[in-house]
N, C-alpha and C. Protein backbone atom coordinates (compact mmCIF):
# COMPACT_ATOMS: atom_id res chain seq x y z
N MET A 1 76.90 38.77 35.58
CA MET A 1 77.21 38.84 34.17
C MET A 1 78.46 39.69 33.96
N LYS A 2 79.27 39.23 33.06
CA LYS A 2 80.50 39.95 32.74
C LYS A 2 80.31 40.78 31.48
N ASN A 3 81.20 41.74 31.28
CA ASN A 3 81.21 42.58 30.09
C ASN A 3 82.07 41.87 29.04
N LEU A 4 81.48 41.54 27.90
CA LEU A 4 82.20 40.80 26.87
C LEU A 4 83.39 41.58 26.32
N GLU A 5 83.22 42.85 26.07
CA GLU A 5 84.33 43.63 25.50
C GLU A 5 85.52 43.66 26.46
N SER A 6 85.28 43.78 27.75
CA SER A 6 86.37 43.75 28.73
C SER A 6 87.04 42.39 28.75
N ALA A 7 86.24 41.33 28.64
CA ALA A 7 86.78 39.97 28.66
C ALA A 7 87.68 39.71 27.45
N LEU A 8 87.43 40.40 26.34
CA LEU A 8 88.19 40.16 25.11
C LEU A 8 89.59 40.76 25.15
N LYS A 9 89.94 41.43 26.23
CA LYS A 9 91.31 41.93 26.37
C LYS A 9 92.29 40.78 26.59
N ASN A 10 91.76 39.63 27.01
CA ASN A 10 92.56 38.40 27.16
C ASN A 10 92.12 37.42 26.08
N SER A 11 93.01 36.52 25.70
CA SER A 11 92.63 35.55 24.67
C SER A 11 91.90 34.35 25.26
N TYR A 12 91.77 34.29 26.60
CA TYR A 12 91.00 33.24 27.26
C TYR A 12 89.74 33.88 27.83
N VAL A 13 88.57 33.41 27.36
CA VAL A 13 87.30 34.01 27.76
C VAL A 13 86.44 32.95 28.43
N THR A 14 85.95 33.26 29.63
CA THR A 14 85.07 32.35 30.34
C THR A 14 84.02 33.16 31.11
N GLY A 15 82.84 32.58 31.30
CA GLY A 15 81.79 33.25 32.08
C GLY A 15 80.50 33.42 31.31
N ASP A 16 79.57 34.11 31.93
CA ASP A 16 78.25 34.37 31.35
C ASP A 16 78.19 35.81 30.87
N PHE A 17 77.76 35.98 29.62
CA PHE A 17 77.69 37.30 29.00
C PHE A 17 76.30 37.49 28.41
N HIS A 18 75.56 38.48 28.90
CA HIS A 18 74.25 38.81 28.37
C HIS A 18 74.38 40.16 27.68
N LEU A 19 74.33 40.14 26.36
CA LEU A 19 74.49 41.37 25.58
C LEU A 19 73.15 42.09 25.48
N GLU A 20 73.19 43.38 25.53
CA GLU A 20 71.97 44.19 25.43
C GLU A 20 71.35 44.04 24.05
N GLU A 21 70.04 44.13 23.99
CA GLU A 21 69.33 44.13 22.71
C GLU A 21 69.83 45.31 21.89
N GLY A 22 70.16 45.09 20.65
CA GLY A 22 70.69 46.14 19.80
C GLY A 22 72.20 46.28 19.85
N TYR A 23 72.85 45.59 20.80
CA TYR A 23 74.31 45.62 20.91
C TYR A 23 74.92 44.86 19.74
N VAL A 24 75.90 45.47 19.06
CA VAL A 24 76.57 44.83 17.93
C VAL A 24 78.07 44.89 18.15
N LEU A 25 78.73 43.73 18.03
CA LEU A 25 80.18 43.66 18.11
C LEU A 25 80.68 42.97 16.85
N ASP A 26 81.29 43.72 15.96
CA ASP A 26 81.90 43.20 14.73
C ASP A 26 83.40 43.16 15.02
N PHE A 27 83.94 41.96 15.24
CA PHE A 27 85.28 41.83 15.80
C PHE A 27 86.03 40.71 15.10
N SER A 28 87.34 40.82 15.02
CA SER A 28 88.17 39.72 14.51
C SER A 28 88.80 39.02 15.71
N PHE A 29 88.36 37.80 15.94
CA PHE A 29 88.86 36.99 17.04
C PHE A 29 89.95 36.08 16.48
N LYS A 30 91.17 36.21 16.95
CA LYS A 30 92.25 35.36 16.46
C LYS A 30 92.88 34.61 17.63
N GLU A 31 92.78 33.28 17.57
CA GLU A 31 93.37 32.39 18.57
C GLU A 31 92.83 32.63 19.97
N TYR A 32 91.54 32.87 20.07
CA TYR A 32 90.87 32.99 21.36
C TYR A 32 90.42 31.61 21.83
N ALA A 33 90.37 31.43 23.14
CA ALA A 33 89.80 30.23 23.73
C ALA A 33 88.57 30.64 24.54
N PHE A 34 87.43 30.11 24.16
CA PHE A 34 86.18 30.35 24.88
C PHE A 34 85.85 29.06 25.63
N GLU A 35 85.76 29.15 26.95
CA GLU A 35 85.52 27.95 27.74
C GLU A 35 84.50 28.24 28.83
N ASN A 36 83.55 27.32 28.97
CA ASN A 36 82.49 27.46 29.97
C ASN A 36 81.81 28.82 29.86
N CYS A 37 81.30 29.11 28.66
CA CYS A 37 80.66 30.40 28.38
C CYS A 37 79.21 30.23 27.98
N ASN A 38 78.41 31.19 28.38
CA ASN A 38 77.05 31.36 27.88
C ASN A 38 76.98 32.79 27.37
N ILE A 39 76.74 32.93 26.08
CA ILE A 39 76.67 34.26 25.47
C ILE A 39 75.27 34.41 24.88
N THR A 40 74.52 35.39 25.38
CA THR A 40 73.13 35.54 24.95
C THR A 40 72.86 36.96 24.46
N ASN A 41 71.94 37.02 23.49
CA ASN A 41 71.41 38.27 22.90
C ASN A 41 72.48 39.05 22.14
N GLY A 42 72.07 40.18 21.58
CA GLY A 42 72.97 41.02 20.82
C GLY A 42 73.33 40.46 19.45
N SER A 43 74.43 40.96 18.90
CA SER A 43 74.84 40.57 17.56
C SER A 43 76.36 40.54 17.44
N LEU A 44 76.84 39.48 16.80
CA LEU A 44 78.25 39.37 16.42
C LEU A 44 78.36 39.33 14.90
N THR A 45 77.32 39.81 14.22
CA THR A 45 77.26 39.79 12.77
C THR A 45 78.51 40.43 12.17
N GLY A 46 79.07 39.73 11.16
CA GLY A 46 80.24 40.23 10.46
C GLY A 46 81.56 39.88 11.13
N SER A 47 81.51 39.23 12.28
CA SER A 47 82.74 38.88 12.98
C SER A 47 83.46 37.72 12.29
N HIS A 48 84.75 37.58 12.60
CA HIS A 48 85.57 36.51 12.05
C HIS A 48 86.31 35.84 13.19
N PHE A 49 86.15 34.53 13.29
CA PHE A 49 86.85 33.74 14.30
C PHE A 49 87.90 32.90 13.59
N LEU A 50 89.17 33.13 13.89
CA LEU A 50 90.27 32.41 13.25
C LEU A 50 91.04 31.60 14.29
N ASN A 51 91.08 30.29 14.08
CA ASN A 51 91.83 29.38 14.97
C ASN A 51 91.43 29.53 16.43
N CYS A 52 90.14 29.64 16.68
CA CYS A 52 89.62 29.76 18.04
C CYS A 52 89.17 28.39 18.54
N ARG A 53 89.14 28.26 19.86
CA ARG A 53 88.69 27.02 20.49
C ARG A 53 87.46 27.33 21.34
N PHE A 54 86.43 26.50 21.16
CA PHE A 54 85.19 26.64 21.91
C PHE A 54 84.95 25.35 22.68
N ASN A 55 84.89 25.42 24.00
CA ASN A 55 84.68 24.25 24.83
C ASN A 55 83.59 24.56 25.86
N ASN A 56 82.49 23.82 25.77
CA ASN A 56 81.35 24.03 26.66
C ASN A 56 80.81 25.46 26.54
N VAL A 57 80.42 25.82 25.32
CA VAL A 57 79.95 27.17 25.03
C VAL A 57 78.54 27.10 24.44
N THR A 58 77.67 27.99 24.90
CA THR A 58 76.33 28.13 24.34
C THR A 58 76.14 29.56 23.85
N PHE A 59 75.79 29.69 22.58
CA PHE A 59 75.36 30.97 22.01
C PHE A 59 73.84 30.88 21.92
N LYS A 60 73.14 31.86 22.46
CA LYS A 60 71.68 31.79 22.46
C LYS A 60 71.08 33.14 22.09
N ASN A 61 70.14 33.11 21.13
CA ASN A 61 69.41 34.32 20.70
C ASN A 61 70.35 35.42 20.20
N ILE A 62 71.37 35.04 19.45
CA ILE A 62 72.35 36.01 18.94
C ILE A 62 72.28 36.05 17.42
N HIS A 63 72.47 37.23 16.86
CA HIS A 63 72.61 37.37 15.41
C HIS A 63 74.06 37.07 15.05
N LEU A 64 74.25 36.01 14.28
CA LEU A 64 75.57 35.58 13.83
C LEU A 64 75.62 35.54 12.32
N ASP A 65 74.91 36.45 11.68
CA ASP A 65 74.85 36.47 10.22
C ASP A 65 76.21 36.89 9.66
N GLU A 66 76.59 36.24 8.54
CA GLU A 66 77.84 36.56 7.83
C GLU A 66 79.07 36.43 8.72
N VAL A 67 79.03 35.49 9.67
CA VAL A 67 80.18 35.22 10.54
C VAL A 67 80.97 34.07 9.96
N ASP A 68 82.29 34.19 9.96
CA ASP A 68 83.18 33.11 9.51
C ASP A 68 83.89 32.50 10.70
N PHE A 69 83.78 31.18 10.81
CA PHE A 69 84.55 30.41 11.77
C PHE A 69 85.58 29.65 10.93
N ASP A 70 86.84 30.01 11.05
CA ASP A 70 87.89 29.47 10.19
C ASP A 70 88.95 28.77 11.04
N GLY A 71 89.08 27.45 10.86
CA GLY A 71 90.09 26.70 11.59
C GLY A 71 89.78 26.56 13.07
N CYS A 72 88.51 26.65 13.45
CA CYS A 72 88.11 26.59 14.86
C CYS A 72 87.83 25.16 15.30
N THR A 73 87.95 24.93 16.61
CA THR A 73 87.66 23.65 17.22
C THR A 73 86.48 23.82 18.17
N PHE A 74 85.50 22.93 18.05
CA PHE A 74 84.30 23.00 18.87
C PHE A 74 84.16 21.72 19.69
N GLU A 75 84.02 21.87 20.99
CA GLU A 75 83.72 20.77 21.91
C GLU A 75 82.52 21.20 22.75
N ILE A 76 81.47 20.42 22.72
CA ILE A 76 80.26 20.72 23.49
C ILE A 76 79.83 22.17 23.29
N THR A 77 79.59 22.53 22.06
CA THR A 77 79.19 23.90 21.72
C THR A 77 77.85 23.88 21.00
N THR A 78 76.95 24.78 21.42
CA THR A 78 75.60 24.83 20.86
C THR A 78 75.25 26.26 20.44
N PHE A 79 74.62 26.36 19.28
CA PHE A 79 74.03 27.61 18.81
C PHE A 79 72.53 27.42 18.91
N GLU A 80 71.88 28.13 19.82
CA GLU A 80 70.46 27.93 20.10
C GLU A 80 69.67 29.18 19.73
N ASN A 81 68.73 29.00 18.79
CA ASN A 81 67.86 30.08 18.36
C ASN A 81 68.66 31.30 17.88
N CYS A 82 69.70 31.04 17.10
CA CYS A 82 70.55 32.11 16.57
C CYS A 82 70.25 32.33 15.09
N SER A 83 70.35 33.58 14.66
CA SER A 83 70.25 33.91 13.24
C SER A 83 71.65 33.70 12.66
N MET A 84 71.75 32.81 11.63
CA MET A 84 73.06 32.44 11.12
C MET A 84 73.12 32.48 9.59
N GLU A 85 72.40 33.42 8.98
CA GLU A 85 72.39 33.51 7.52
C GLU A 85 73.79 33.89 7.01
N GLY A 86 74.32 33.06 6.10
CA GLY A 86 75.62 33.32 5.51
C GLY A 86 76.79 32.94 6.40
N THR A 87 76.54 32.33 7.55
CA THR A 87 77.61 31.90 8.45
C THR A 87 78.33 30.70 7.85
N GLN A 88 79.66 30.70 7.95
CA GLN A 88 80.46 29.63 7.37
C GLN A 88 81.36 28.99 8.42
N PHE A 89 81.52 27.68 8.30
CA PHE A 89 82.46 26.92 9.11
C PHE A 89 83.50 26.36 8.15
N ILE A 90 84.69 26.94 8.16
CA ILE A 90 85.74 26.59 7.20
C ILE A 90 86.86 25.87 7.93
N ASN A 91 87.17 24.64 7.50
CA ASN A 91 88.26 23.85 8.10
C ASN A 91 88.14 23.75 9.61
N CYS A 92 86.92 23.58 10.11
CA CYS A 92 86.69 23.48 11.56
C CYS A 92 86.65 22.02 11.99
N THR A 93 86.95 21.79 13.26
CA THR A 93 86.90 20.46 13.86
C THR A 93 85.67 20.37 14.76
N ASN A 94 84.93 19.25 14.63
CA ASN A 94 83.75 19.01 15.46
C ASN A 94 82.75 20.16 15.38
N LYS A 95 82.09 20.27 14.27
CA LYS A 95 81.12 21.35 14.09
C LYS A 95 80.11 21.35 15.23
N PRO A 96 79.66 22.54 15.64
CA PRO A 96 78.76 22.66 16.79
C PRO A 96 77.34 22.19 16.47
N LYS A 97 76.58 22.00 17.55
CA LYS A 97 75.17 21.67 17.42
C LYS A 97 74.41 22.96 17.17
N ILE A 98 73.57 22.95 16.13
CA ILE A 98 72.76 24.12 15.82
C ILE A 98 71.30 23.76 16.05
N ALA A 99 70.68 24.40 17.05
CA ALA A 99 69.31 24.06 17.42
C ALA A 99 68.38 25.24 17.20
């Protein structure tokens, strides 16, 4: 497992990230590319994704409340068992599967 915060030093993010229970990252992601990622647990509540690309990404058991995805592109992306109250997809291409 990789450390998500360390991975965010680059705009290209790939790998498996298991966030600790209670871990919260409120971050502004601008023009990031997430590819071949599995991100599980923790919280990204309040984060903003602007013009990001998601390809073959699974978010699982994550709090994504009040998250904005603005101008993002989704290819083979799934949100599985995630809390998504108030989450918005604005001007996005290929909205993800929400299970």
